[in-house]
Structure formats: C-alpha cells, structure tokens
C-alpha cells in the first residue's frame, strides 16, 4: 500500500472540510485562510446579495469544546462595535454540527505584508495609532486580545486598519482583573484559553507573564507589551526575538530608529507589567507626541536633543525669522544705517 503524498492528504482534507451550507443563506466560494481551530471562506449572502466571510470549525473539532470557543469569539466581536474591529453579522451551525459565524469580508494586506512596501515612518506610526485605538476600545469593554501580532492586523484597500482573530481573547473579569466587569450577557466562563498554567500566544509578541502561563497577571498591560512588539516590528522590519520569557527583545543602540521611539518600545515591552505603560491610551499618546514634535514621557532628552527637536518642529517659522534677520542685516549694511 503506497503512502499518501502530503499534497494528496491536504487535498482530501480540504474536500472533507469544505462546508455544506444547505439550509443557510450562504454559499461558500473560496477558502481564504486556515488556522488550528477553523477555516475562513469567502461566501455570498443570497438574502442581501453581498460578499461576506464565514469562519467555520474544522471537521475534527466539532465534537470538542471548540464550538463553545468559536461562539464565544463571535460574541466578543459582536460586543466590540468599532471601525477597527471586524463586525459580526450572524452565528449558527451547519447540518454536520460545526459552528460558524459570518463577518464582514475584508480585502487588503496583513500588516507583515504591508510593511514590505516603501513606507514612511510617519505613515507606519499612524497605522500603529489606529491599532492602539481599536485595542483601547476593547479594553474599555473589559476585553484583552492576548494574541496581538502583525499577522492579526489587516490593512484594508482604503486604508482601514482592522484587528483580527479574537479567538483567545479574554474578559478581564475572568482573568483576575475584578476591578472591571464583562459586558452584560457575556460568557466569562473558563475556557482552554483562560486556564492558569496554559501558554497560548505567539513567541516574541506575548509578554513574560503570558509565556509563563500566569493568567492571573494578564491585564491591559499584557496587550501593551504586544503592541510594543508590533511597534518594534514596524520600526525595524524584524520580528522581536527573546532568549527567554523574562528577557524580551530590545532595540540595539546602533539602530537607526530615533532614541525616543526606542524608549517607547523599551517601556511598552518592559519585563515587569508595572514598568510598562499603564494603558494603551498612554502608549498611543507618546506616539502622537512624537509625531507632533512634543517631548514624550518615555524619554528624557538632553538640551541639545531638545533644541534639535524644537528646530525640527518649528522649522518654517525659524527659517522665516532667519530670512528676515539676514535681509535686515544686508539692508543695513548696504544703506549704511
């Protein structure tokens, strides 16, 4: 008996996984992504005559608690109505028992693909601010993402910035952060993603407390760490690496990245949560200050650096004053007055 080729195996898996959507208003047209829990298909909504995306559980997971996780992910997304978060339209189950939910079909590039083009630093920082805005909104609703990384950020065709894949997101109320409550009607029950001691996330982008499986320490500052790692990626073009969970990556002193931005990364990615920015809003505020030429809170600049920053920020009025003084001096010289 000849063993199956990997390609043949993948084909058979695709065929077996292809969703039977009879009895629903949707018709799958193409598989556009696949993960450990499910696959995402583009589909046609026959009732509203529009293209949508459908996330459907993998066949082998239909009899596990993954169904509850997928439904929970859909409910989390439904509670987060924000321009930077993909809206959910529908939730249901297929005839074969697999759960699915329907969301807006987003067309564009993942952030790790987007940065391969020629981008101005200011352009990338504006994208980062939009990411912060979406994540900060989720925190205000009592939800932490816990898997922020470039692959989970989408840049739409018209410049939209969307934070995707909330599959392991958690409610702060169920993660030991009792000062905040989950939205009314939300399911905060324990799931595979919230059991203490279990490590779920992406190396380089998850904070030390999450890498240790210390769920009780996961908070808004955990997402701040991941955002700092995304900022690192935007500034350097490299994914952050670390030799251990307690030694996050650092920008090298020889880096061409300006010192203030290196300081922002260092503070956001501090090993201890207490040393990080207390909120996404404060992280975003430092980036906004940098863009507008105002001194940031994470970096203590010297007198020379302050003068350089002010000259760069107020370049036009300074040049106008200098031009006036030069012309005035020349006029006085030639008129003898």
C-alpha atoms as a PDB file:
ATOM      1  CA  UNK A   1       0.000   0.000   0.000  1.00  0.00           C
ATOM      2  CA  UNK A   2       1.538   3.299  -1.097  1.00  0.00           C
ATOM      3  CA  UNK A   3       1.589   6.153   1.438  1.00  0.00           C
ATOM      4  CA  UNK A   4      -0.356   9.284   0.545  1.00  0.00           C
ATOM      5  CA  UNK A   5       1.591  12.305  -0.615  1.00  0.00           C
ATOM      6  CA  UNK A   6       1.345  15.416   1.595  1.00  0.00           C
ATOM      7  CA  UNK A   7      -0.348  17.234  -1.278  1.00  0.00           C
ATOM      8  CA  UNK A   8      -2.914  14.456  -1.720  1.00  0.00           C
ATOM      9  CA  UNK A   9      -3.562  14.405   2.019  1.00  0.00           C
ATOM     10  CA  UNK A  10      -4.106  18.172   2.051  1.00  0.00           C
ATOM     11  CA  UNK A  11      -6.482  17.892  -0.908  1.00  0.00           C
ATOM     12  CA  UNK A  12      -8.514  15.185   0.822  1.00  0.00           C
ATOM     13  CA  UNK A  13      -8.611  17.263   3.969  1.00  0.00           C
ATOM     14  CA  UNK A  14      -9.839  20.290   2.022  1.00  0.00           C
ATOM     15  CA  UNK A  15     -12.565  18.225   0.364  1.00  0.00           C
ATOM     16  CA  UNK A  16     -13.721  16.771   3.688  1.00  0.00           C
ATOM     17  CA  UNK A  17     -13.653  20.194   5.338  1.00  0.00           C
ATOM     18  CA  UNK A  18     -15.492  22.027   2.546  1.00  0.00           C
ATOM     19  CA  UNK A  19     -18.646  23.331   4.245  1.00  0.00           C
ATOM     20  CA  UNK A  20     -22.101  22.126   3.293  1.00  0.00           C
ATOM     21  CA  UNK A  21     -24.165  25.286   3.681  1.00  0.00           C
ATOM     22  CA  UNK A  22     -27.538  23.880   2.618  1.00  0.00           C
ATOM     23  CA  UNK A  23     -30.308  25.328   4.713  1.00  0.00           C
ATOM     24  CA  UNK A  24     -28.448  28.617   5.195  1.00  0.00           C
ATOM     25  CA  UNK A  25     -28.499  31.787   3.135  1.00  0.00           C
ATOM     26  CA  UNK A  26     -24.762  31.487   2.367  1.00  0.00           C
ATOM     27  CA  UNK A  27     -22.768  29.848  -0.424  1.00  0.00           C
ATOM     28  CA  UNK A  28     -19.028  29.357   0.078  1.00  0.00           C
ATOM     29  CA  UNK A  29     -16.913  30.397  -2.895  1.00  0.00           C
ATOM     30  CA  UNK A  30     -13.280  30.175  -1.797  1.00  0.00           C
ATOM     31  CA  UNK A  31     -11.187  29.289   1.229  1.00  0.00           C
ATOM     32  CA  UNK A  32      -9.144  32.353   2.165  1.00  0.00           C
ATOM     33  CA  UNK A  33      -7.469  31.246   5.380  1.00  0.00           C
ATOM     34  CA  UNK A  34      -6.960  28.369   7.761  1.00  0.00           C
ATOM     35  CA  UNK A  35      -5.935  28.087  11.393  1.00  0.00           C
ATOM     36  CA  UNK A  36      -5.738  25.479  14.108  1.00  0.00           C
ATOM     37  CA  UNK A  37      -9.378  25.900  15.086  1.00  0.00           C
ATOM     38  CA  UNK A  38     -11.122  26.665  11.818  1.00  0.00           C
ATOM     39  CA  UNK A  39     -11.039  27.907   8.266  1.00  0.00           C
ATOM     40  CA  UNK A  40     -12.327  31.159   6.799  1.00  0.00           C
ATOM     41  CA  UNK A  41     -14.197  31.202   3.485  1.00  0.00           C
ATOM     42  CA  UNK A  42     -15.449  33.974   1.278  1.00  0.00           C
ATOM     43  CA  UNK A  43     -19.148  33.462   0.613  1.00  0.00           C
ATOM     44  CA  UNK A  44     -22.201  35.027  -0.966  1.00  0.00           C
ATOM     45  CA  UNK A  45     -25.123  36.134   1.196  1.00  0.00           C
ATOM     46  CA  UNK A  46     -28.106  35.230  -1.028  1.00  0.00           C
ATOM     47  CA  UNK A  47     -30.536  37.327   1.004  1.00  0.00           C
ATOM     48  CA  UNK A  48     -28.640  40.636   0.995  1.00  0.00           C
ATOM     49  CA  UNK A  49     -26.624  39.929  -2.187  1.00  0.00           C
ATOM     50  CA  UNK A  50     -23.236  40.763  -0.703  1.00  0.00           C
ATOM     51  CA  UNK A  51     -19.889  39.076  -0.189  1.00  0.00           C
ATOM     52  CA  UNK A  52     -19.094  38.015   3.382  1.00  0.00           C
ATOM     53  CA  UNK A  53     -16.545  35.919   5.240  1.00  0.00           C
ATOM     54  CA  UNK A  54     -17.501  32.793   7.194  1.00  0.00           C
ATOM     55  CA  UNK A  55     -15.355  31.210   9.888  1.00  0.00           C
ATOM     56  CA  UNK A  56     -16.176  27.506  10.300  1.00  0.00           C
ATOM     57  CA  UNK A  57     -14.786  24.938  12.714  1.00  0.00           C
ATOM     58  CA  UNK A  58     -12.532  22.231  11.358  1.00  0.00           C
ATOM     59  CA  UNK A  59     -14.256  18.871  10.989  1.00  0.00           C
ATOM     60  CA  UNK A  60     -12.161  17.160  13.661  1.00  0.00           C
ATOM     61  CA  UNK A  61     -13.105  19.782  16.284  1.00  0.00           C
ATOM     62  CA  UNK A  62     -16.887  19.725  16.012  1.00  0.00           C
ATOM     63  CA  UNK A  63     -17.304  17.363  18.979  1.00  0.00           C
ATOM     64  CA  UNK A  64     -14.978  19.295  21.291  1.00  0.00           C
ATOM     65  CA  UNK A  65     -15.257  22.473  23.341  1.00  0.00           C
ATOM     66  CA  UNK A  66     -14.004  24.356  20.274  1.00  0.00           C
ATOM     67  CA  UNK A  67     -17.644  25.014  19.320  1.00  0.00           C
ATOM     68  CA  UNK A  68     -18.126  26.963  22.528  1.00  0.00           C
ATOM     69  CA  UNK A  69     -14.878  28.830  21.900  1.00  0.00           C
ATOM     70  CA  UNK A  70     -15.936  29.817  18.397  1.00  0.00           C
ATOM     71  CA  UNK A  71     -19.333  31.006  19.642  1.00  0.00           C
ATOM     72  CA  UNK A  72     -17.566  32.928  22.408  1.00  0.00           C
ATOM     73  CA  UNK A  73     -15.246  34.584  19.879  1.00  0.00           C
ATOM     74  CA  UNK A  74     -18.275  35.673  17.821  1.00  0.00           C
ATOM     75  CA  UNK A  75     -19.967  37.124  20.904  1.00  0.00           C
ATOM     76  CA  UNK A  76     -16.823  39.039  21.840  1.00  0.00           C
ATOM     77  CA  UNK A  77     -16.644  40.527  18.340  1.00  0.00           C
ATOM     78  CA  UNK A  78     -20.347  41.374  18.464  1.00  0.00           C
ATOM     79  CA  UNK A  79     -19.714  43.358  21.653  1.00  0.00           C
ATOM     80  CA  UNK A  80     -16.934  45.367  20.003  1.00  0.00           C
ATOM     81  CA  UNK A  81     -18.572  47.715  17.527  1.00  0.00           C
ATOM     82  CA  UNK A  82     -15.613  49.760  16.356  1.00  0.00           C
ATOM     83  CA  UNK A  83     -14.244  50.754  12.915  1.00  0.00           C
ATOM     84  CA  UNK A  84     -11.013  48.904  13.723  1.00  0.00           C
ATOM     85  CA  UNK A  85     -12.718  45.589  14.555  1.00  0.00           C
ATOM     86  CA  UNK A  86     -14.475  43.362  12.016  1.00  0.00           C
ATOM     87  CA  UNK A  87     -18.258  43.316  12.631  1.00  0.00           C
ATOM     88  CA  UNK A  88     -20.128  40.020  13.042  1.00  0.00           C
ATOM     89  CA  UNK A  89     -23.365  39.519  11.073  1.00  0.00           C
ATOM     90  CA  UNK A  90     -24.573  36.051  12.031  1.00  0.00           C
ATOM     91  CA  UNK A  91     -23.909  32.948  14.170  1.00  0.00           C
ATOM     92  CA  UNK A  92     -25.146  29.400  13.587  1.00  0.00           C
ATOM     93  CA  UNK A  93     -24.339  25.741  12.983  1.00  0.00           C
ATOM     94  CA  UNK A  94     -24.074  23.602   9.862  1.00  0.00           C
ATOM     95  CA  UNK A  95     -26.054  20.396   9.264  1.00  0.00           C
ATOM     96  CA  UNK A  96     -22.933  18.412  10.246  1.00  0.00           C
ATOM     97  CA  UNK A  97     -22.866  20.139  13.642  1.00  0.00           C
ATOM     98  CA  UNK A  98     -19.980  22.550  13.060  1.00  0.00           C
ATOM     99  CA  UNK A  99     -20.350  26.064  14.419  1.00  0.00           C
ATOM    100  CA  UNK A 100     -19.836  29.070  12.166  1.00  0.00           C
ATOM    101  CA  UNK A 101     -20.103  32.813  12.275  1.00  0.00           C
ATOM    102  CA  UNK A 102     -20.397  35.342   9.493  1.00  0.00           C
ATOM    103  CA  UNK A 103     -18.467  38.607   9.370  1.00  0.00           C
ATOM    104  CA  UNK A 104     -17.529  41.393   7.021  1.00  0.00           C
ATOM    105  CA  UNK A 105     -15.237  40.322   4.193  1.00  0.00           C
ATOM    106  CA  UNK A 106     -12.050  42.381   4.480  1.00  0.00           C
ATOM    107  CA  UNK A 107      -9.841  42.780   1.437  1.00  0.00           C
ATOM    108  CA  UNK A 108      -6.328  44.101   1.818  1.00  0.00           C
ATOM    109  CA  UNK A 109      -2.942  43.112   3.229  1.00  0.00           C
ATOM    110  CA  UNK A 110      -1.771  41.734   6.528  1.00  0.00           C
ATOM    111  CA  UNK A 111       0.496  44.135   8.392  1.00  0.00           C
ATOM    112  CA  UNK A 112       3.561  41.925   7.863  1.00  0.00           C
ATOM    113  CA  UNK A 113       2.932  42.114   4.106  1.00  0.00           C
ATOM    114  CA  UNK A 114       2.030  45.805   4.135  1.00  0.00           C
ATOM    115  CA  UNK A 115       5.409  46.861   5.576  1.00  0.00           C
ATOM    116  CA  UNK A 116       7.292  45.230   2.697  1.00  0.00           C
ATOM    117  CA  UNK A 117       6.454  48.230   0.539  1.00  0.00           C
ATOM    118  CA  UNK A 118       8.239  51.560   0.803  1.00  0.00           C
ATOM    119  CA  UNK A 119       6.590  53.237   3.782  1.00  0.00           C
ATOM    120  CA  UNK A 120       7.387  56.457   5.580  1.00  0.00           C
ATOM    121  CA  UNK A 121       7.974  56.079   9.307  1.00  0.00           C
ATOM    122  CA  UNK A 122       5.214  58.609   9.970  1.00  0.00           C
ATOM    123  CA  UNK A 123       2.821  56.510   7.869  1.00  0.00           C
ATOM    124  CA  UNK A 124       3.617  53.375   9.873  1.00  0.00           C
ATOM    125  CA  UNK A 125       3.177  55.248  13.148  1.00  0.00           C
ATOM    126  CA  UNK A 126      -0.255  56.452  12.016  1.00  0.00           C
ATOM    127  CA  UNK A 127      -1.195  52.823  11.345  1.00  0.00           C
ATOM    128  CA  UNK A 128       0.072  51.934  14.819  1.00  0.00           C
ATOM    129  CA  UNK A 129      -2.142  54.620  16.373  1.00  0.00           C
ATOM    130  CA  UNK A 130      -5.190  53.086  14.680  1.00  0.00           C
ATOM    131  CA  UNK A 131      -4.261  49.679  16.112  1.00  0.00           C
ATOM    132  CA  UNK A 132      -3.965  51.241  19.561  1.00  0.00           C
ATOM    133  CA  UNK A 133      -7.352  52.878  19.158  1.00  0.00           C
ATOM    134  CA  UNK A 134      -9.082  49.546  18.420  1.00  0.00           C
ATOM    135  CA  UNK A 135      -7.317  47.702  21.248  1.00  0.00           C
ATOM    136  CA  UNK A 136      -8.000  50.548  23.682  1.00  0.00           C
ATOM    137  CA  UNK A 137     -11.689  50.349  22.791  1.00  0.00           C
ATOM    138  CA  UNK A 138     -11.697  46.620  23.594  1.00  0.00           C
ATOM    139  CA  UNK A 139     -10.036  47.311  26.943  1.00  0.00           C
ATOM    140  CA  UNK A 140     -12.753  49.849  27.746  1.00  0.00           C
ATOM    141  CA  UNK A 141     -15.228  46.989  27.213  1.00  0.00           C
ATOM    142  CA  UNK A 142     -13.252  44.767  29.590  1.00  0.00           C
ATOM    143  CA  UNK A 143     -11.658  42.575  26.911  1.00  0.00           C
ATOM    144  CA  UNK A 144      -7.969  41.804  26.278  1.00  0.00           C
ATOM    145  CA  UNK A 145      -6.848  40.341  22.943  1.00  0.00           C
ATOM    146  CA  UNK A 146      -3.827  38.251  24.086  1.00  0.00           C
ATOM    147  CA  UNK A 147      -2.550  37.460  20.592  1.00  0.00           C
ATOM    148  CA  UNK A 148      -1.688  40.791  19.003  1.00  0.00           C
ATOM    149  CA  UNK A 149       0.858  40.403  16.205  1.00  0.00           C
ATOM    150  CA  UNK A 150       1.355  41.687  12.628  1.00  0.00           C
ATOM    151  CA  UNK A 151      -0.372  38.611  11.176  1.00  0.00           C
ATOM    152  CA  UNK A 152      -3.540  39.555  13.058  1.00  0.00           C
ATOM    153  CA  UNK A 153      -3.666  43.110  11.706  1.00  0.00           C
ATOM    154  CA  UNK A 154      -5.236  43.818   8.323  1.00  0.00           C
ATOM    155  CA  UNK A 155      -4.788  46.966   6.241  1.00  0.00           C
ATOM    156  CA  UNK A 156      -7.849  47.368   4.030  1.00  0.00           C
ATOM    157  CA  UNK A 157      -7.945  48.554   0.435  1.00  0.00           C
ATOM    158  CA  UNK A 158      -8.995  52.040   1.550  1.00  0.00           C
ATOM    159  CA  UNK A 159      -6.580  52.409   4.447  1.00  0.00           C
ATOM    160  CA  UNK A 160      -8.749  50.763   7.095  1.00  0.00           C
ATOM    161  CA  UNK A 161      -6.789  49.192   9.941  1.00  0.00           C
ATOM    162  CA  UNK A 162      -8.505  46.149  11.465  1.00  0.00           C
ATOM    163  CA  UNK A 163      -7.522  43.986  14.435  1.00  0.00           C
ATOM    164  CA  UNK A 164      -8.431  40.354  13.700  1.00  0.00           C
ATOM    165  CA  UNK A 165      -8.522  36.934  15.383  1.00  0.00           C
ATOM    166  CA  UNK A 166     -10.041  37.386  18.834  1.00  0.00           C
ATOM    167  CA  UNK A 167     -10.132  33.606  19.347  1.00  0.00           C
ATOM    168  CA  UNK A 168      -8.143  33.621  22.610  1.00  0.00           C
ATOM    169  CA  UNK A 169      -9.353  36.998  23.849  1.00  0.00           C
ATOM    170  CA  UNK A 170     -10.443  37.071  27.463  1.00  0.00           C
ATOM    171  CA  UNK A 171     -12.640  39.143  29.740  1.00  0.00           C
ATOM    172  CA  UNK A 172     -10.645  40.968  32.380  1.00  0.00           C
ATOM    173  CA  UNK A 173     -13.243  39.972  34.973  1.00  0.00           C
ATOM    174  CA  UNK A 174     -12.402  36.284  34.429  1.00  0.00           C
ATOM    175  CA  UNK A 175      -8.622  36.817  34.369  1.00  0.00           C
ATOM    176  CA  UNK A 176      -8.276  38.036  37.936  1.00  0.00           C
ATOM    177  CA  UNK A 177      -8.897  41.692  36.988  1.00  0.00           C
ATOM    178  CA  UNK A 178     -12.003  42.022  39.140  1.00  0.00           C
ATOM    179  CA  UNK A 179     -11.995  45.806  39.009  1.00  0.00           C
ATOM    180  CA  UNK A 180     -13.636  45.558  35.562  1.00  0.00           C
ATOM    181  CA  UNK A 181     -16.782  43.630  34.667  1.00  0.00           C
ATOM    182  CA  UNK A 182     -17.535  41.823  31.450  1.00  0.00           C
ATOM    183  CA  UNK A 183     -20.302  43.252  29.279  1.00  0.00           C
ATOM    184  CA  UNK A 184     -23.827  42.222  30.231  1.00  0.00           C
ATOM    185  CA  UNK A 185     -24.765  38.830  28.827  1.00  0.00           C
ATOM    186  CA  UNK A 186     -21.175  37.885  28.054  1.00  0.00           C
ATOM    187  CA  UNK A 187     -19.858  34.409  28.730  1.00  0.00           C
ATOM    188  CA  UNK A 188     -16.826  34.699  31.011  1.00  0.00           C
ATOM    189  CA  UNK A 189     -16.641  31.036  31.852  1.00  0.00           C
ATOM    190  CA  UNK A 190     -13.302  29.282  31.895  1.00  0.00           C
ATOM    191  CA  UNK A 191     -12.114  28.016  28.525  1.00  0.00           C
ATOM    192  CA  UNK A 192      -8.919  26.441  27.164  1.00  0.00           C
ATOM    193  CA  UNK A 193      -7.609  29.962  26.644  1.00  0.00           C
ATOM    194  CA  UNK A 194      -8.025  31.031  30.268  1.00  0.00           C
ATOM    195  CA  UNK A 195      -6.795  28.098  32.342  1.00  0.00           C
ATOM    196  CA  UNK A 196      -3.905  29.004  34.614  1.00  0.00           C
ATOM    197  CA  UNK A 197      -0.645  27.357  33.580  1.00  0.00           C
ATOM    198  CA  UNK A 198      -1.525  27.005  29.904  1.00  0.00           C
ATOM    199  CA  UNK A 199       0.593  29.010  27.465  1.00  0.00           C
ATOM    200  CA  UNK A 200      -1.292  30.398  24.471  1.00  0.00           C
ATOM    201  CA  UNK A 201       0.083  33.179  22.313  1.00  0.00           C
ATOM    202  CA  UNK A 202       2.901  33.935  19.884  1.00  0.00           C
ATOM    203  CA  UNK A 203       6.584  33.899  20.979  1.00  0.00           C
ATOM    204  CA  UNK A 204       8.158  37.328  20.681  1.00  0.00           C
ATOM    205  CA  UNK A 205       4.788  39.057  20.926  1.00  0.00           C
ATOM    206  CA  UNK A 206       3.371  37.649  24.153  1.00  0.00           C
ATOM    207  CA  UNK A 207       4.501  39.162  27.471  1.00  0.00           C
ATOM    208  CA  UNK A 208       6.506  37.188  30.055  1.00  0.00           C
ATOM    209  CA  UNK A 209       3.513  36.620  32.363  1.00  0.00           C
ATOM    210  CA  UNK A 210       1.570  35.069  29.495  1.00  0.00           C
ATOM    211  CA  UNK A 211       4.583  32.993  28.418  1.00  0.00           C
ATOM    212  CA  UNK A 212       4.728  31.611  31.966  1.00  0.00           C
ATOM    213  CA  UNK A 213       1.020  30.738  31.851  1.00  0.00           C
ATOM    214  CA  UNK A 214       0.344  33.105  34.761  1.00  0.00           C
ATOM    215  CA  UNK A 215      -3.208  34.026  33.765  1.00  0.00           C
ATOM    216  CA  UNK A 216      -3.865  35.953  36.989  1.00  0.00           C
ATOM    217  CA  UNK A 217      -1.278  38.527  35.874  1.00  0.00           C
ATOM    218  CA  UNK A 218      -2.757  39.059  32.405  1.00  0.00           C
ATOM    219  CA  UNK A 219      -4.192  42.550  32.064  1.00  0.00           C
ATOM    220  CA  UNK A 220      -4.371  45.543  29.736  1.00  0.00           C
ATOM    221  CA  UNK A 221      -0.594  45.860  30.180  1.00  0.00           C
ATOM    222  CA  UNK A 222      -0.178  42.432  28.580  1.00  0.00           C
ATOM    223  CA  UNK A 223      -1.635  43.819  25.363  1.00  0.00           C
ATOM    224  CA  UNK A 224       0.566  46.902  25.819  1.00  0.00           C
ATOM    225  CA  UNK A 225       3.597  44.581  25.662  1.00  0.00           C
ATOM    226  CA  UNK A 226       2.317  43.014  22.430  1.00  0.00           C
ATOM    227  CA  UNK A 227       1.691  46.451  20.951  1.00  0.00           C
ATOM    228  CA  UNK A 228       5.258  47.402  21.857  1.00  0.00           C
ATOM    229  CA  UNK A 229       6.438  44.307  19.973  1.00  0.00           C
ATOM    230  CA  UNK A 230       4.343  45.342  16.956  1.00  0.00           C
ATOM    231  CA  UNK A 231       5.889  48.818  17.148  1.00  0.00           C
ATOM    232  CA  UNK A 232       9.326  47.154  17.247  1.00  0.00           C
ATOM    233  CA  UNK A 233       8.410  45.298  14.051  1.00  0.00           C
ATOM    234  CA  UNK A 234       7.155  48.444  12.325  1.00  0.00           C
ATOM    235  CA  UNK A 235      10.322  50.363  13.205  1.00  0.00           C
ATOM    236  CA  UNK A 236      12.867  47.655  12.373  1.00  0.00           C
ATOM    237  CA  UNK A 237      11.135  45.337   9.902  1.00  0.00           C
ATOM    238  CA  UNK A 238      12.156  42.413  12.123  1.00  0.00           C
ATOM    239  CA  UNK A 239      10.095  40.264  14.450  1.00  0.00           C
ATOM    240  CA  UNK A 240      11.186  40.613  18.078  1.00  0.00           C
ATOM    241  CA  UNK A 241      13.045  37.632  19.474  1.00  0.00           C
ATOM    242  CA  UNK A 242      13.936  36.774  23.015  1.00  0.00           C
ATOM    243  CA  UNK A 243      16.095  34.087  24.575  1.00  0.00           C
ATOM    244  CA  UNK A 244      13.646  33.539  27.413  1.00  0.00           C
ATOM    245  CA  UNK A 245      10.273  34.649  28.666  1.00  0.00           C
ATOM    246  CA  UNK A 246      11.944  37.061  31.078  1.00  0.00           C
ATOM    247  CA  UNK A 247      14.227  38.758  28.535  1.00  0.00           C
ATOM    248  CA  UNK A 248      12.219  40.493  25.810  1.00  0.00           C
ATOM    249  CA  UNK A 249      13.899  41.751  22.666  1.00  0.00           C
ATOM    250  CA  UNK A 250      15.493  45.188  22.709  1.00  0.00           C
ATOM    251  CA  UNK A 251      16.362  47.702  20.025  1.00  0.00           C
ATOM    252  CA  UNK A 252      20.130  47.808  19.622  1.00  0.00           C
ATOM    253  CA  UNK A 253      21.887  51.126  20.364  1.00  0.00           C
ATOM    254  CA  UNK A 254      23.207  51.202  16.783  1.00  0.00           C
ATOM    255  CA  UNK A 255      19.683  51.078  15.394  1.00  0.00           C
ATOM    256  CA  UNK A 256      18.697  53.902  13.054  1.00  0.00           C
ATOM    257  CA  UNK A 257      15.446  54.217  14.983  1.00  0.00           C
ATOM    258  CA  UNK A 258      15.322  57.545  16.895  1.00  0.00           C
ATOM    259  CA  UNK A 259      16.080  57.264  20.598  1.00  0.00           C
ATOM    260  CA  UNK A 260      12.622  58.476  21.714  1.00  0.00           C
ATOM    261  CA  UNK A 261      10.938  55.678  19.748  1.00  0.00           C
ATOM    262  CA  UNK A 262      13.414  53.150  21.112  1.00  0.00           C
ATOM    263  CA  UNK A 263      12.464  54.345  24.589  1.00  0.00           C
ATOM    264  CA  UNK A 264       8.760  53.871  23.803  1.00  0.00           C
ATOM    265  CA  UNK A 265       9.438  50.271  22.721  1.00  0.00           C
ATOM    266  CA  UNK A 266      11.525  49.607  25.824  1.00  0.00           C
ATOM    267  CA  UNK A 267       8.841  50.903  28.167  1.00  0.00           C
ATOM    268  CA  UNK A 268       5.995  49.096  26.404  1.00  0.00           C
ATOM    269  CA  UNK A 269       7.979  45.824  26.391  1.00  0.00           C
ATOM    270  CA  UNK A 270       9.257  46.026  29.965  1.00  0.00           C
ATOM    271  CA  UNK A 271       9.546  42.640  31.678  1.00  0.00           C
ATOM    272  CA  UNK A 272       7.513  43.728  34.685  1.00  0.00           C
ATOM    273  CA  UNK A 273       3.916  44.836  33.927  1.00  0.00           C
ATOM    274  CA  UNK A 274       4.218  47.696  36.448  1.00  0.00           C
ATOM    275  CA  UNK A 275       7.063  49.193  34.384  1.00  0.00           C
ATOM    276  CA  UNK A 276       5.019  49.333  31.182  1.00  0.00           C
ATOM    277  CA  UNK A 277       2.594  51.994  30.057  1.00  0.00           C
ATOM    278  CA  UNK A 278      -0.465  51.660  32.311  1.00  0.00           C
ATOM    279  CA  UNK A 279      -2.817  51.801  29.330  1.00  0.00           C
ATOM    280  CA  UNK A 280      -2.913  51.655  25.550  1.00  0.00           C
ATOM    281  CA  UNK A 281      -4.099  55.261  25.550  1.00  0.00           C
ATOM    282  CA  UNK A 282      -0.867  56.434  27.194  1.00  0.00           C
ATOM    283  CA  UNK A 283       1.242  54.403  24.762  1.00  0.00           C
ATOM    284  CA  UNK A 284      -0.628  55.955  21.847  1.00  0.00           C
ATOM    285  CA  UNK A 285      -0.306  59.407  23.396  1.00  0.00           C
ATOM    286  CA  UNK A 286       3.505  59.139  23.404  1.00  0.00           C
ATOM    287  CA  UNK A 287       3.493  58.188  19.715  1.00  0.00           C
ATOM    288  CA  UNK A 288       1.201  61.128  18.958  1.00  0.00           C
ATOM    289  CA  UNK A 289       3.541  63.444  20.876  1.00  0.00           C
ATOM    290  CA  UNK A 290       6.484  62.191  18.839  1.00  0.00           C
ATOM    291  CA  UNK A 291       4.615  62.811  15.575  1.00  0.00           C
ATOM    292  CA  UNK A 292       3.720  66.363  16.595  1.00  0.00           C
ATOM    293  CA  UNK A 293       7.206  67.189  17.896  1.00  0.00           C
ATOM    294  CA  UNK A 294       6.329  67.258  21.583  1.00  0.00           C
ATOM    295  CA  UNK A 295       8.577  65.681  24.227  1.00  0.00           C
ATOM    296  CA  UNK A 296       7.458  62.136  25.037  1.00  0.00           C
ATOM    297  CA  UNK A 297       7.107  60.754  28.564  1.00  0.00           C
ATOM    298  CA  UNK A 298       9.268  57.648  27.997  1.00  0.00           C
ATOM    299  CA  UNK A 299      12.475  59.508  27.103  1.00  0.00           C
ATOM    300  CA  UNK A 300      14.473  62.133  28.997  1.00  0.00           C
ATOM    301  CA  UNK A 301      16.148  64.231  26.330  1.00  0.00           C
ATOM    302  CA  UNK A 302      19.245  66.399  26.780  1.00  0.00           C
ATOM    303  CA  UNK A 303      19.455  70.138  25.987  1.00  0.00           C
ATOM    304  CA  UNK A 304      20.940  69.505  22.536  1.00  0.00           C
ATOM    305  CA  UNK A 305      18.224  66.991  21.687  1.00  0.00           C
ATOM    306  CA  UNK A 306      15.563  69.399  22.894  1.00  0.00           C
ATOM    307  CA  UNK A 307      16.952  72.173  20.688  1.00  0.00           C
ATOM    308  CA  UNK A 308      17.103  69.825  17.677  1.00  0.00           C
ATOM    309  CA  UNK A 309      13.512  68.717  18.250  1.00  0.00           C
ATOM    310  CA  UNK A 310      12.257  72.285  18.546  1.00  0.00           C
ATOM    311  CA  UNK A 311      14.118  73.351  15.399  1.00  0.00           C
ATOM    312  CA  UNK A 312      12.687  70.410  13.508  1.00  0.00           C
ATOM    313  CA  UNK A 313       9.168  71.051  14.799  1.00  0.00           C
ATOM    314  CA  UNK A 314       9.178  74.788  14.175  1.00  0.00           C
ATOM    315  CA  UNK A 315      11.364  74.721  11.072  1.00  0.00           C
ATOM    316  CA  UNK A 316       9.199  77.051   8.974  1.00  0.00           C
ATOM    317  CA  UNK A 317       8.872  79.918  11.470  1.00  0.00           C
ATOM    318  CA  UNK A 318      12.571  79.609  12.373  1.00  0.00           C
ATOM    319  CA  UNK A 319      13.558  79.828   8.701  1.00  0.00           C
ATOM    320  CA  UNK A 320      11.281  82.823   8.215  1.00  0.00           C
ATOM    321  CA  UNK A 321      12.835  84.626  11.188  1.00  0.00           C
ATOM    322  CA  UNK A 322      16.350  83.809   9.963  1.00  0.00           C
ATOM    323  CA  UNK A 323      15.500  85.032   6.468  1.00  0.00           C
ATOM    324  CA  UNK A 324      14.141  88.272   7.933  1.00  0.00           C
ATOM    325  CA  UNK A 325      17.290  88.791  10.024  1.00  0.00           C
ATOM    326  CA  UNK A 326      19.563  88.119   7.034  1.00  0.00           C
ATOM    327  CA  UNK A 327      17.638  90.538   4.823  1.00  0.00           C
ATOM    328  CA  UNK A 328      17.564  93.145   7.577  1.00  0.00           C
ATOM    329  CA  UNK A 329      21.310  92.791   8.090  1.00  0.00           C
ATOM    330  CA  UNK A 330      22.027  93.118   4.361  1.00  0.00           C
ATOM    331  CA  UNK A 331      19.751  96.140   4.114  1.00  0.00           C
ATOM    332  CA  UNK A 332      21.516  97.877   6.982  1.00  0.00           C
ATOM    333  CA  UNK A 333      24.903  97.022   5.504  1.00  0.00           C
ATOM    334  CA  UNK A 334      24.200  98.433   2.060  1.00  0.00           C
ATOM    335  CA  UNK A 335      22.314 101.506   3.247  1.00  0.00           C
ATOM    336  CA  UNK A 336      24.830 102.285   5.977  1.00  0.00           C
ATOM    337  CA  UNK A 337      22.133 102.645   8.585  1.00  0.00           C
END
